[in-house]
């Protein structure tokens, strides 16, 4: 999953950087920073879901106002939410580190 997200980010960043005339190394770093930050924020919100869930029918998928009473999340649902949050945070942090390593504006070594 990390390779797929990182690869797609690099390809899109290089294409966008070529369109605007930026250096390829810098556009790749900025793309990795941006997507990594977005994935980190997404991981934060996935992990901070509350303990209540709603069961949605097929008719309610498009509705903005859910109907019915909320129920307590099962331990499996809560565990899955935390694992998914951890996965997104690791991927986001990894993308930011790759961006820092490839950034031409700031040399680490």
PDB file of N, CA and C in Angstrom:
ATOM      1  N   UNK A   1       0.826  -1.180   0.000  1.00  0.00           N
ATOM      2  CA  UNK A   1       0.000   0.000   0.000  1.00  0.00           C
ATOM      3  C   UNK A   1       0.880   1.256   0.000  1.00  0.00           C
ATOM      4  N   UNK A   2       1.971   1.212   0.757  1.00  0.00           N
ATOM      5  CA  UNK A   2       2.890   2.346   0.822  1.00  0.00           C
ATOM      6  C   UNK A   2       3.517   2.608  -0.546  1.00  0.00           C
ATOM      7  N   UNK A   3       3.908   1.538  -1.224  1.00  0.00           N
ATOM      8  CA  UNK A   3       4.534   1.673  -2.541  1.00  0.00           C
ATOM      9  C   UNK A   3       3.520   2.224  -3.550  1.00  0.00           C
ATOM     10  N   UNK A   4       2.286   1.765  -3.484  1.00  0.00           N
ATOM     11  CA  UNK A   4       1.266   2.244  -4.415  1.00  0.00           C
ATOM     12  C   UNK A   4       0.960   3.721  -4.199  1.00  0.00           C
ATOM     13  N   UNK A   5       0.752   4.118  -2.948  1.00  0.00           N
ATOM     14  CA  UNK A   5       0.444   5.521  -2.657  1.00  0.00           C
ATOM     15  C   UNK A   5       1.656   6.400  -2.971  1.00  0.00           C
ATOM     16  N   UNK A   6       2.834   5.957  -2.564  1.00  0.00           N
ATOM     17  CA  UNK A   6       4.049   6.726  -2.843  1.00  0.00           C
ATOM     18  C   UNK A   6       4.343   6.834  -4.327  1.00  0.00           C
ATOM     19  N   UNK A   7       4.182   5.745  -5.047  1.00  0.00           N
ATOM     20  CA  UNK A   7       4.430   5.757  -6.488  1.00  0.00           C
ATOM     21  C   UNK A   7       3.462   6.659  -7.229  1.00  0.00           C
ATOM     22  N   UNK A   8       2.184   6.557  -6.892  1.00  0.00           N
ATOM     23  CA  UNK A   8       1.187   7.416  -7.535  1.00  0.00           C
ATOM     24  C   UNK A   8       1.441   8.884  -7.214  1.00  0.00           C
ATOM     25  N   UNK A   9       1.839   9.163  -5.992  1.00  0.00           N
ATOM     26  CA  UNK A   9       2.146  10.539  -5.599  1.00  0.00           C
ATOM     27  C   UNK A   9       3.332  11.086  -6.379  1.00  0.00           C
ATOM     28  N   UNK A  10       4.373  10.276  -6.514  1.00  0.00           N
ATOM     29  CA  UNK A  10       5.563  10.722  -7.237  1.00  0.00           C
ATOM     30  C   UNK A  10       5.245  10.976  -8.707  1.00  0.00           C
ATOM     31  N   UNK A  11       4.511  10.060  -9.326  1.00  0.00           N
ATOM     32  CA  UNK A  11       4.174  10.224 -10.744  1.00  0.00           C
ATOM     33  C   UNK A  11       3.335  11.481 -10.961  1.00  0.00           C
ATOM     34  N   UNK A  12       2.305  11.673 -10.152  1.00  0.00           N
ATOM     35  CA  UNK A  12       1.458  12.856 -10.300  1.00  0.00           C
ATOM     36  C   UNK A  12       2.221  14.140  -9.987  1.00  0.00           C
ATOM     37  N   UNK A  13       3.101  14.096  -9.011  1.00  0.00           N
ATOM     38  CA  UNK A  13       3.899  15.272  -8.665  1.00  0.00           C
ATOM     39  C   UNK A  13       4.853  15.632  -9.793  1.00  0.00           C
ATOM     40  N   UNK A  14       5.475  14.625 -10.392  1.00  0.00           N
ATOM     41  CA  UNK A  14       6.387  14.887 -11.501  1.00  0.00           C
ATOM     42  C   UNK A  14       5.642  15.459 -12.708  1.00  0.00           C
ATOM     43  N   UNK A  15       4.460  14.927 -12.996  1.00  0.00           N
ATOM     44  CA  UNK A  15       3.666  15.454 -14.104  1.00  0.00           C
ATOM     45  C   UNK A  15       3.236  16.894 -13.850  1.00  0.00           C
ATOM     46  N   UNK A  16       2.766  17.152 -12.648  1.00  0.00           N
ATOM     47  CA  UNK A  16       2.335  18.507 -12.307  1.00  0.00           C
ATOM     48  C   UNK A  16       3.520  19.470 -12.294  1.00  0.00           C
ATOM     49  N   UNK A  17       4.653  19.018 -11.759  1.00  0.00           N
ATOM     50  CA  UNK A  17       5.850  19.854 -11.739  1.00  0.00           C
ATOM     51  C   UNK A  17       6.344  20.173 -13.137  1.00  0.00           C
ATOM     52  N   UNK A  18       6.249  19.216 -14.047  1.00  0.00           N
ATOM     53  CA  UNK A  18       6.662  19.454 -15.430  1.00  0.00           C
ATOM     54  C   UNK A  18       5.726  20.458 -16.109  1.00  0.00           C
ATOM     55  N   UNK A  19       4.445  20.406 -15.763  1.00  0.00           N
ATOM     56  CA  UNK A  19       3.485  21.345 -16.354  1.00  0.00           C
ATOM     57  C   UNK A  19       3.740  22.784 -15.926  1.00  0.00           C
ATOM     58  N   UNK A  20       4.110  22.983 -14.667  1.00  0.00           N
ATOM     59  CA  UNK A  20       4.316  24.345 -14.179  1.00  0.00           C
ATOM     60  C   UNK A  20       5.764  24.795 -14.303  1.00  0.00           C
ATOM     61  N   UNK A  21       6.645  23.919 -14.740  1.00  0.00           N
ATOM     62  CA  UNK A  21       8.034  24.295 -14.968  1.00  0.00           C
ATOM     63  C   UNK A  21       8.917  24.260 -13.733  1.00  0.00           C
ATOM     64  N   UNK A  22       8.514  23.561 -12.697  1.00  0.00           N
ATOM     65  CA  UNK A  22       9.322  23.449 -11.480  1.00  0.00           C
ATOM     66  C   UNK A  22      10.344  22.333 -11.650  1.00  0.00           C
ATOM     67  N   UNK A  23      11.364  22.353 -10.798  1.00  0.00           N
ATOM     68  CA  UNK A  23      12.342  21.265 -10.859  1.00  0.00           C
ATOM     69  C   UNK A  23      11.662  19.964 -10.444  1.00  0.00           C
ATOM     70  N   UNK A  24      12.077  18.889 -11.052  1.00  0.00           N
ATOM     71  CA  UNK A  24      11.419  17.611 -10.796  1.00  0.00           C
ATOM     72  C   UNK A  24      11.644  17.137  -9.364  1.00  0.00           C
ATOM     73  N   UNK A  25      12.843  17.355  -8.843  1.00  0.00           N
ATOM     74  CA  UNK A  25      13.140  16.913  -7.477  1.00  0.00           C
ATOM     75  C   UNK A  25      12.309  17.694  -6.463  1.00  0.00           C
ATOM     76  N   UNK A  26      12.182  18.989  -6.677  1.00  0.00           N
ATOM     77  CA  UNK A  26      11.402  19.813  -5.752  1.00  0.00           C
ATOM     78  C   UNK A  26       9.912  19.494  -5.845  1.00  0.00           C
ATOM     79  N   UNK A  27       9.391  19.294  -7.055  1.00  0.00           N
ATOM     80  CA  UNK A  27       7.970  18.986  -7.191  1.00  0.00           C
ATOM     81  C   UNK A  27       7.640  17.634  -6.566  1.00  0.00           C
ATOM     82  N   UNK A  28       8.566  16.682  -6.661  1.00  0.00           N
ATOM     83  CA  UNK A  28       8.353  15.384  -6.037  1.00  0.00           C
ATOM     84  C   UNK A  28       8.304  15.533  -4.516  1.00  0.00           C
ATOM     85  N   UNK A  29       9.214  16.333  -3.958  1.00  0.00           N
ATOM     86  CA  UNK A  29       9.242  16.527  -2.507  1.00  0.00           C
ATOM     87  C   UNK A  29       7.978  17.213  -2.014  1.00  0.00           C
ATOM     88  N   UNK A  30       7.536  18.243  -2.720  1.00  0.00           N
ATOM     89  CA  UNK A  30       6.333  18.964  -2.298  1.00  0.00           C
ATOM     90  C   UNK A  30       5.104  18.058  -2.400  1.00  0.00           C
ATOM     91  N   UNK A  31       5.034  17.249  -3.445  1.00  0.00           N
ATOM     92  CA  UNK A  31       3.923  16.312  -3.572  1.00  0.00           C
ATOM     93  C   UNK A  31       3.903  15.295  -2.443  1.00  0.00           C
ATOM     94  N   UNK A  32       5.078  14.785  -2.082  1.00  0.00           N
ATOM     95  CA  UNK A  32       5.150  13.825  -0.975  1.00  0.00           C
ATOM     96  C   UNK A  32       4.773  14.487   0.347  1.00  0.00           C
ATOM     97  N   UNK A  33       5.202  15.737   0.557  1.00  0.00           N
ATOM     98  CA  UNK A  33       4.802  16.465   1.764  1.00  0.00           C
ATOM     99  C   UNK A  33       3.286  16.624   1.827  1.00  0.00           C
ATOM    100  N   UNK A  34       2.693  17.059   0.715  1.00  0.00           N
ATOM    101  CA  UNK A  34       1.261  17.347   0.701  1.00  0.00           C
ATOM    102  C   UNK A  34       0.425  16.082   0.916  1.00  0.00           C
ATOM    103  N   UNK A  35       0.729  15.030   0.181  1.00  0.00           N
ATOM    104  CA  UNK A  35      -0.053  13.798   0.323  1.00  0.00           C
ATOM    105  C   UNK A  35       0.206  13.152   1.683  1.00  0.00           C
ATOM    106  N   UNK A  36       1.445  13.192   2.154  1.00  0.00           N
ATOM    107  CA  UNK A  36       1.754  12.642   3.473  1.00  0.00           C
ATOM    108  C   UNK A  36       1.002  13.355   4.576  1.00  0.00           C
ATOM    109  N   UNK A  37       0.931  14.674   4.489  1.00  0.00           N
ATOM    110  CA  UNK A  37       0.186  15.447   5.495  1.00  0.00           C
ATOM    111  C   UNK A  37      -1.302  15.138   5.444  1.00  0.00           C
ATOM    112  N   UNK A  38      -1.832  15.021   4.234  1.00  0.00           N
ATOM    113  CA  UNK A  38      -3.247  14.699   4.082  1.00  0.00           C
ATOM    114  C   UNK A  38      -3.568  13.316   4.654  1.00  0.00           C
ATOM    115  N   UNK A  39      -2.714  12.351   4.410  1.00  0.00           N
ATOM    116  CA  UNK A  39      -2.927  10.995   4.929  1.00  0.00           C
ATOM    117  C   UNK A  39      -2.805  10.991   6.460  1.00  0.00           C
ATOM    118  N   UNK A  40      -1.871  11.787   7.008  1.00  0.00           N
ATOM    119  CA  UNK A  40      -1.756  11.893   8.463  1.00  0.00           C
ATOM    120  C   UNK A  40      -3.033  12.457   9.084  1.00  0.00           C
ATOM    121  N   UNK A  41      -3.561  13.509   8.511  1.00  0.00           N
ATOM    122  CA  UNK A  41      -4.797  14.105   9.030  1.00  0.00           C
ATOM    123  C   UNK A  41      -5.949  13.112   8.928  1.00  0.00           C
ATOM    124  N   UNK A  42      -6.025  12.407   7.805  1.00  0.00           N
ATOM    125  CA  UNK A  42      -7.072  11.408   7.634  1.00  0.00           C
ATOM    126  C   UNK A  42      -6.941  10.313   8.700  1.00  0.00           C
ATOM    127  N   UNK A  43      -5.717   9.867   8.966  1.00  0.00           N
ATOM    128  CA  UNK A  43      -5.493   8.858  10.001  1.00  0.00           C
ATOM    129  C   UNK A  43      -5.902   9.341  11.379  1.00  0.00           C
ATOM    130  N   UNK A  44      -5.671  10.619  11.651  1.00  0.00           N
ATOM    131  CA  UNK A  44      -6.077  11.187  12.933  1.00  0.00           C
ATOM    132  C   UNK A  44      -7.589  11.132  13.096  1.00  0.00           C
ATOM    133  N   UNK A  45      -8.312  11.533  12.044  1.00  0.00           N
ATOM    134  CA  UNK A  45      -9.771  11.541  12.154  1.00  0.00           C
ATOM    135  C   UNK A  45     -10.368  10.140  12.166  1.00  0.00           C
ATOM    136  N   UNK A  46      -9.769   9.205  11.481  1.00  0.00           N
ATOM    137  CA  UNK A  46     -10.258   7.818  11.526  1.00  0.00           C
ATOM    138  C   UNK A  46     -10.079   7.254  12.931  1.00  0.00           C
ATOM    139  N   UNK A  47      -8.964   7.573  13.576  1.00  0.00           N
ATOM    140  CA  UNK A  47      -8.698   7.064  14.920  1.00  0.00           C
ATOM    141  C   UNK A  47      -9.532   7.716  15.999  1.00  0.00           C
ATOM    142  N   UNK A  48     -10.066   8.895  15.726  1.00  0.00           N
ATOM    143  CA  UNK A  48     -10.850   9.608  16.726  1.00  0.00           C
ATOM    144  C   UNK A  48     -12.344   9.472  16.537  1.00  0.00           C
ATOM    145  N   UNK A  49     -12.748   8.436  15.835  1.00  0.00           N
ATOM    146  CA  UNK A  49     -14.180   8.169  15.727  1.00  0.00           C
ATOM    147  C   UNK A  49     -14.726   7.830  17.099  1.00  0.00           C
ATOM    148  N   UNK A  50     -15.910   8.257  17.343  1.00  0.00           N
ATOM    149  CA  UNK A  50     -16.522   8.006  18.637  1.00  0.00           C
ATOM    150  C   UNK A  50     -16.923   6.549  18.825  1.00  0.00           C
ATOM    151  N   UNK A  51     -17.405   6.201  20.017  1.00  0.00           N
ATOM    152  CA  UNK A  51     -17.753   4.811  20.310  1.00  0.00           C
ATOM    153  C   UNK A  51     -19.129   4.399  19.776  1.00  0.00           C
ATOM    154  N   UNK A  52     -19.834   5.316  19.128  1.00  0.00           N
ATOM    155  CA  UNK A  52     -21.168   5.008  18.624  1.00  0.00           C
ATOM    156  C   UNK A  52     -21.141   4.865  17.112  1.00  0.00           C
ATOM    157  N   UNK A  53     -21.947   3.949  16.606  1.00  0.00           N
ATOM    158  CA  UNK A  53     -22.052   3.706  15.167  1.00  0.00           C
ATOM    159  C   UNK A  53     -23.522   3.689  14.771  1.00  0.00           C
ATOM    160  N   UNK A  54     -23.760   3.915  13.510  1.00  0.00           N
ATOM    161  CA  UNK A  54     -25.116   3.813  12.966  1.00  0.00           C
ATOM    162  C   UNK A  54     -25.117   2.735  11.898  1.00  0.00           C
ATOM    163  N   UNK A  55     -26.158   1.931  11.892  1.00  0.00           N
ATOM    164  CA  UNK A  55     -26.351   0.956  10.820  1.00  0.00           C
ATOM    165  C   UNK A  55     -27.130   1.650   9.722  1.00  0.00           C
ATOM    166  N   UNK A  56     -26.582   1.620   8.515  1.00  0.00           N
ATOM    167  CA  UNK A  56     -27.234   2.289   7.386  1.00  0.00           C
ATOM    168  C   UNK A  56     -27.792   1.256   6.422  1.00  0.00           C
ATOM    169  N   UNK A  57     -29.008   1.491   5.982  1.00  0.00           N
ATOM    170  CA  UNK A  57     -29.609   0.676   4.938  1.00  0.00           C
ATOM    171  C   UNK A  57     -29.165   1.210   3.586  1.00  0.00           C
ATOM    172  N   UNK A  58     -29.482   0.480   2.531  1.00  0.00           N
ATOM    173  CA  UNK A  58     -29.146   0.937   1.183  1.00  0.00           C
ATOM    174  C   UNK A  58     -29.864   2.233   0.838  1.00  0.00           C
ATOM    175  N   UNK A  59     -31.062   2.436   1.372  1.00  0.00           N
ATOM    176  CA  UNK A  59     -31.817   3.656   1.094  1.00  0.00           C
ATOM    177  C   UNK A  59     -31.182   4.873   1.761  1.00  0.00           C
ATOM    178  N   UNK A  60     -30.467   4.661   2.865  1.00  0.00           N
ATOM    179  CA  UNK A  60     -29.897   5.761   3.617  1.00  0.00           C
ATOM    180  C   UNK A  60     -28.505   6.170   3.155  1.00  0.00           C
ATOM    181  N   UNK A  61     -27.896   5.447   2.248  1.00  0.00           N
ATOM    182  CA  UNK A  61     -26.525   5.738   1.821  1.00  0.00           C
ATOM    183  C   UNK A  61     -26.400   7.145   1.251  1.00  0.00           C
ATOM    184  N   UNK A  62     -27.428   7.627   0.568  1.00  0.00           N
ATOM    185  CA  UNK A  62     -27.376   8.949  -0.051  1.00  0.00           C
ATOM    186  C   UNK A  62     -28.000  10.030   0.818  1.00  0.00           C
ATOM    187  N   UNK A  63     -28.575   9.658   1.938  1.00  0.00           N
ATOM    188  CA  UNK A  63     -29.246  10.609   2.812  1.00  0.00           C
ATOM    189  C   UNK A  63     -28.224  11.357   3.672  1.00  0.00           C
ATOM    190  N   UNK A  64     -28.441  12.650   3.858  1.00  0.00           N
ATOM    191  CA  UNK A  64     -27.552  13.442   4.710  1.00  0.00           C
ATOM    192  C   UNK A  64     -27.893  13.300   6.188  1.00  0.00           C
ATOM    193  N   UNK A  65     -29.141  12.981   6.473  1.00  0.00           N
ATOM    194  CA  UNK A  65     -29.586  12.837   7.860  1.00  0.00           C
ATOM    195  C   UNK A  65     -29.859  11.363   8.129  1.00  0.00           C
ATOM    196  N   UNK A  66     -28.996  10.714   8.935  1.00  0.00           N
ATOM    197  CA  UNK A  66     -29.220   9.294   9.220  1.00  0.00           C
ATOM    198  C   UNK A  66     -30.410   9.102  10.148  1.00  0.00           C
ATOM    199  N   UNK A  67     -31.093   7.997   9.951  1.00  0.00           N
ATOM    200  CA  UNK A  67     -32.249   7.658  10.789  1.00  0.00           C
ATOM    201  C   UNK A  67     -31.877   6.516  11.714  1.00  0.00           C
ATOM    202  N   UNK A  68     -32.603   6.401  12.786  1.00  0.00           N
ATOM    203  CA  UNK A  68     -32.396   5.296  13.714  1.00  0.00           C
ATOM    204  C   UNK A  68     -31.476   5.682  14.858  1.00  0.00           C
ATOM    205  N   UNK A  69     -31.519   4.880  15.893  1.00  0.00           N
ATOM    206  CA  UNK A  69     -30.722   5.148  17.083  1.00  0.00           C
ATOM    207  C   UNK A  69     -29.294   4.633  16.894  1.00  0.00           C
ATOM    208  N   UNK A  70     -28.340   5.338  17.435  1.00  0.00           N
ATOM    209  CA  UNK A  70     -26.966   4.834  17.360  1.00  0.00           C
ATOM    210  C   UNK A  70     -26.781   3.631  18.280  1.00  0.00           C
ATOM    211  N   UNK A  71     -25.802   2.825  17.967  1.00  0.00           N
ATOM    212  CA  UNK A  71     -25.488   1.662  18.793  1.00  0.00           C
ATOM    213  C   UNK A  71     -24.019   1.738  19.188  1.00  0.00           C
ATOM    214  N   UNK A  72     -23.664   0.988  20.197  1.00  0.00           N
ATOM    215  CA  UNK A  72     -22.261   0.945  20.613  1.00  0.00           C
ATOM    216  C   UNK A  72     -21.452   0.147  19.601  1.00  0.00           C
ATOM    217  N   UNK A  73     -20.266   0.622  19.316  1.00  0.00           N
ATOM    218  CA  UNK A  73     -19.372  -0.096  18.405  1.00  0.00           C
ATOM    219  C   UNK A  73     -18.895  -1.372  19.083  1.00  0.00           C
ATOM    220  N   UNK A  74     -18.784  -2.413  18.302  1.00  0.00           N
ATOM    221  CA  UNK A  74     -18.269  -3.670  18.841  1.00  0.00           C
ATOM    222  C   UNK A  74     -16.762  -3.538  19.056  1.00  0.00           C
ATOM    223  N   UNK A  75     -16.198  -4.375  19.909  1.00  0.00           N
ATOM    224  CA  UNK A  75     -14.739  -4.322  20.096  1.00  0.00           C
ATOM    225  C   UNK A  75     -13.968  -4.532  18.788  1.00  0.00           C
ATOM    226  N   UNK A  76     -14.500  -5.357  17.907  1.00  0.00           N
ATOM    227  CA  UNK A  76     -13.845  -5.580  16.611  1.00  0.00           C
ATOM    228  C   UNK A  76     -13.852  -4.309  15.761  1.00  0.00           C
ATOM    229  N   UNK A  77     -14.969  -3.575  15.769  1.00  0.00           N
ATOM    230  CA  UNK A  77     -15.043  -2.323  15.013  1.00  0.00           C
ATOM    231  C   UNK A  77     -14.079  -1.280  15.577  1.00  0.00           C
ATOM    232  N   UNK A  78     -13.970  -1.219  16.871  1.00  0.00           N
ATOM    233  CA  UNK A  78     -13.050  -0.262  17.491  1.00  0.00           C
ATOM    234  C   UNK A  78     -11.597  -0.638  17.219  1.00  0.00           C
ATOM    235  N   UNK A  79     -11.291  -1.923  17.259  1.00  0.00           N
ATOM    236  CA  UNK A  79      -9.940  -2.395  16.968  1.00  0.00           C
ATOM    237  C   UNK A  79      -9.577  -2.112  15.505  1.00  0.00           C
ATOM    238  N   UNK A  80     -10.543  -2.347  14.610  1.00  0.00           N
ATOM    239  CA  UNK A  80     -10.324  -2.078  13.193  1.00  0.00           C
ATOM    240  C   UNK A  80     -10.085  -0.589  12.944  1.00  0.00           C
ATOM    241  N   UNK A  81     -10.829   0.261  13.637  1.00  0.00           N
ATOM    242  CA  UNK A  81     -10.657   1.701  13.499  1.00  0.00           C
ATOM    243  C   UNK A  81      -9.266   2.137  13.957  1.00  0.00           C
ATOM    244  N   UNK A  82      -8.791   1.584  15.049  1.00  0.00           N
ATOM    245  CA  UNK A  82      -7.457   1.940  15.547  1.00  0.00           C
ATOM    246  C   UNK A  82      -6.363   1.408  14.630  1.00  0.00           C
ATOM    247  N   UNK A  83      -6.535   0.203  14.112  1.00  0.00           N
ATOM    248  CA  UNK A  83      -5.539  -0.354  13.190  1.00  0.00           C
ATOM    249  C   UNK A  83      -5.473   0.443  11.892  1.00  0.00           C
ATOM    250  N   UNK A  84      -6.622   0.844  11.390  1.00  0.00           N
ATOM    251  CA  UNK A  84      -6.662   1.637  10.168  1.00  0.00           C
ATOM    252  C   UNK A  84      -6.013   3.004  10.398  1.00  0.00           C
ATOM    253  N   UNK A  85      -6.275   3.586  11.553  1.00  0.00           N
ATOM    254  CA  UNK A  85      -5.654   4.857  11.901  1.00  0.00           C
ATOM    255  C   UNK A  85      -4.138   4.722  11.965  1.00  0.00           C
ATOM    256  N   UNK A  86      -3.647   3.668  12.583  1.00  0.00           N
ATOM    257  CA  UNK A  86      -2.210   3.427  12.678  1.00  0.00           C
ATOM    258  C   UNK A  86      -1.592   3.266  11.288  1.00  0.00           C
ATOM    259  N   UNK A  87      -2.278   2.541  10.411  1.00  0.00           N
ATOM    260  CA  UNK A  87      -1.787   2.341   9.054  1.00  0.00           C
ATOM    261  C   UNK A  87      -1.665   3.669   8.309  1.00  0.00           C
ATOM    262  N   UNK A  88      -2.693   4.505   8.386  1.00  0.00           N
ATOM    263  CA  UNK A  88      -2.649   5.802   7.713  1.00  0.00           C
ATOM    264  C   UNK A  88      -1.561   6.699   8.286  1.00  0.00           C
ATOM    265  N   UNK A  89      -1.376   6.677   9.584  1.00  0.00           N
ATOM    266  CA  UNK A  89      -0.348   7.515  10.201  1.00  0.00           C
ATOM    267  C   UNK A  89       1.043   7.057   9.788  1.00  0.00           C
ATOM    268  N   UNK A  90       1.277   5.761   9.743  1.00  0.00           N
ATOM    269  CA  UNK A  90       2.588   5.250   9.313  1.00  0.00           C
ATOM    270  C   UNK A  90       2.855   5.604   7.848  1.00  0.00           C
ATOM    271  N   UNK A  91       1.860   5.432   6.993  1.00  0.00           N
ATOM    272  CA  UNK A  91       2.032   5.770   5.575  1.00  0.00           C
ATOM    273  C   UNK A  91       2.277   7.270   5.413  1.00  0.00           C
ATOM    274  N   UNK A  92       1.499   8.093   6.096  1.00  0.00           N
ATOM    275  CA  UNK A  92       1.676   9.545   6.004  1.00  0.00           C
ATOM    276  C   UNK A  92       3.036   9.993   6.498  1.00  0.00           C
ATOM    277  N   UNK A  93       3.475   9.459   7.621  1.00  0.00           N
ATOM    278  CA  UNK A  93       4.786   9.813   8.152  1.00  0.00           C
ATOM    279  C   UNK A  93       5.889   9.347   7.211  1.00  0.00           C
ATOM    280  N   UNK A  94       5.738   8.166   6.640  1.00  0.00           N
ATOM    281  CA  UNK A  94       6.728   7.659   5.690  1.00  0.00           C
ATOM    282  C   UNK A  94       6.830   8.519   4.451  1.00  0.00           C
ATOM    283  N   UNK A  95       5.695   9.004   3.945  1.00  0.00           N
ATOM    284  CA  UNK A  95       5.709   9.882   2.779  1.00  0.00           C
ATOM    285  C   UNK A  95       6.387  11.210   3.097  1.00  0.00           C
ATOM    286  N   UNK A  96       6.165  11.730   4.281  1.00  0.00           N
ATOM    287  CA  UNK A  96       6.820  12.982   4.679  1.00  0.00           C
ATOM    288  C   UNK A  96       8.325  12.778   4.801  1.00  0.00           C
ATOM    289  N   UNK A  97       8.754  11.646   5.345  1.00  0.00           N
ATOM    290  CA  UNK A  97      10.186  11.361   5.440  1.00  0.00           C
ATOM    291  C   UNK A  97      10.796  11.226   4.047  1.00  0.00           C
ATOM    292  N   UNK A  98      10.103  10.544   3.133  1.00  0.00           N
ATOM    293  CA  UNK A  98      10.597  10.453   1.760  1.00  0.00           C
ATOM    294  C   UNK A  98      10.691  11.836   1.116  1.00  0.00           C
ATOM    295  N   UNK A  99       9.735  12.683   1.393  1.00  0.00           N
ATOM    296  CA  UNK A  99       9.778  14.042   0.878  1.00  0.00           C
ATOM    297  C   UNK A  99      10.964  14.812   1.426  1.00  0.00           C
ATOM    298  N   UNK A 100      11.254  14.645   2.712  1.00  0.00           N
ATOM    299  CA  UNK A 100      12.397  15.332   3.314  1.00  0.00           C
ATOM    300  C   UNK A 100      13.717  14.818   2.746  1.00  0.00           C
ATOM    301  N   UNK A 101      13.790  13.529   2.480  1.00  0.00           N
ATOM    302  CA  UNK A 101      15.015  12.963   1.913  1.00  0.00           C
ATOM    303  C   UNK A 101      15.241  13.401   0.470  1.00  0.00           C
ATOM    304  N   UNK A 102      14.161  13.639  -0.254  1.00  0.00           N
ATOM    305  CA  UNK A 102      14.302  13.997  -1.667  1.00  0.00           C
ATOM    306  C   UNK A 102      14.247  15.496  -1.917  1.00  0.00           C
ATOM    307  N   UNK A 103      14.072  16.297  -0.892  1.00  0.00           N
ATOM    308  CA  UNK A 103      13.928  17.736  -1.057  1.00  0.00           C
ATOM    309  C   UNK A 103      15.259  18.382  -1.432  1.00  0.00           C
ATOM    310  N   UNK A 104      15.281  19.108  -2.538  1.00  0.00           N
ATOM    311  CA  UNK A 104      16.503  19.762  -2.981  1.00  0.00           C
ATOM    312  C   UNK A 104      16.719  21.109  -2.294  1.00  0.00           C
ATOM    313  N   UNK A 105      15.698  21.664  -1.689  1.00  0.00           N
ATOM    314  CA  UNK A 105      15.835  22.961  -1.030  1.00  0.00           C
ATOM    315  C   UNK A 105      16.549  22.860   0.313  1.00  0.00           C
ATOM    316  N   UNK A 106      16.469  21.700   0.941  1.00  0.00           N
ATOM    317  CA  UNK A 106      17.087  21.505   2.265  1.00  0.00           C
ATOM    318  C   UNK A 106      17.856  20.201   2.247  1.00  0.00           C
ATOM    319  N   UNK A 107      19.139  20.261   2.398  1.00  0.00           N
ATOM    320  CA  UNK A 107      19.972  19.054   2.430  1.00  0.00           C
ATOM    321  C   UNK A 107      20.093  18.581   3.882  1.00  0.00           C
ATOM    322  N   UNK A 108      19.855  17.304   4.092  1.00  0.00           N
ATOM    323  CA  UNK A 108      19.961  16.738   5.437  1.00  0.00           C
ATOM    324  C   UNK A 108      21.409  16.379   5.776  1.00  0.00           C
ATOM    325  N   UNK A 109      22.188  16.006   4.779  1.00  0.00           N
ATOM    326  CA  UNK A 109      23.561  15.590   5.030  1.00  0.00           C
ATOM    327  C   UNK A 109      24.513  16.355   4.143  1.00  0.00           C
TER     328      UNK A 109
END
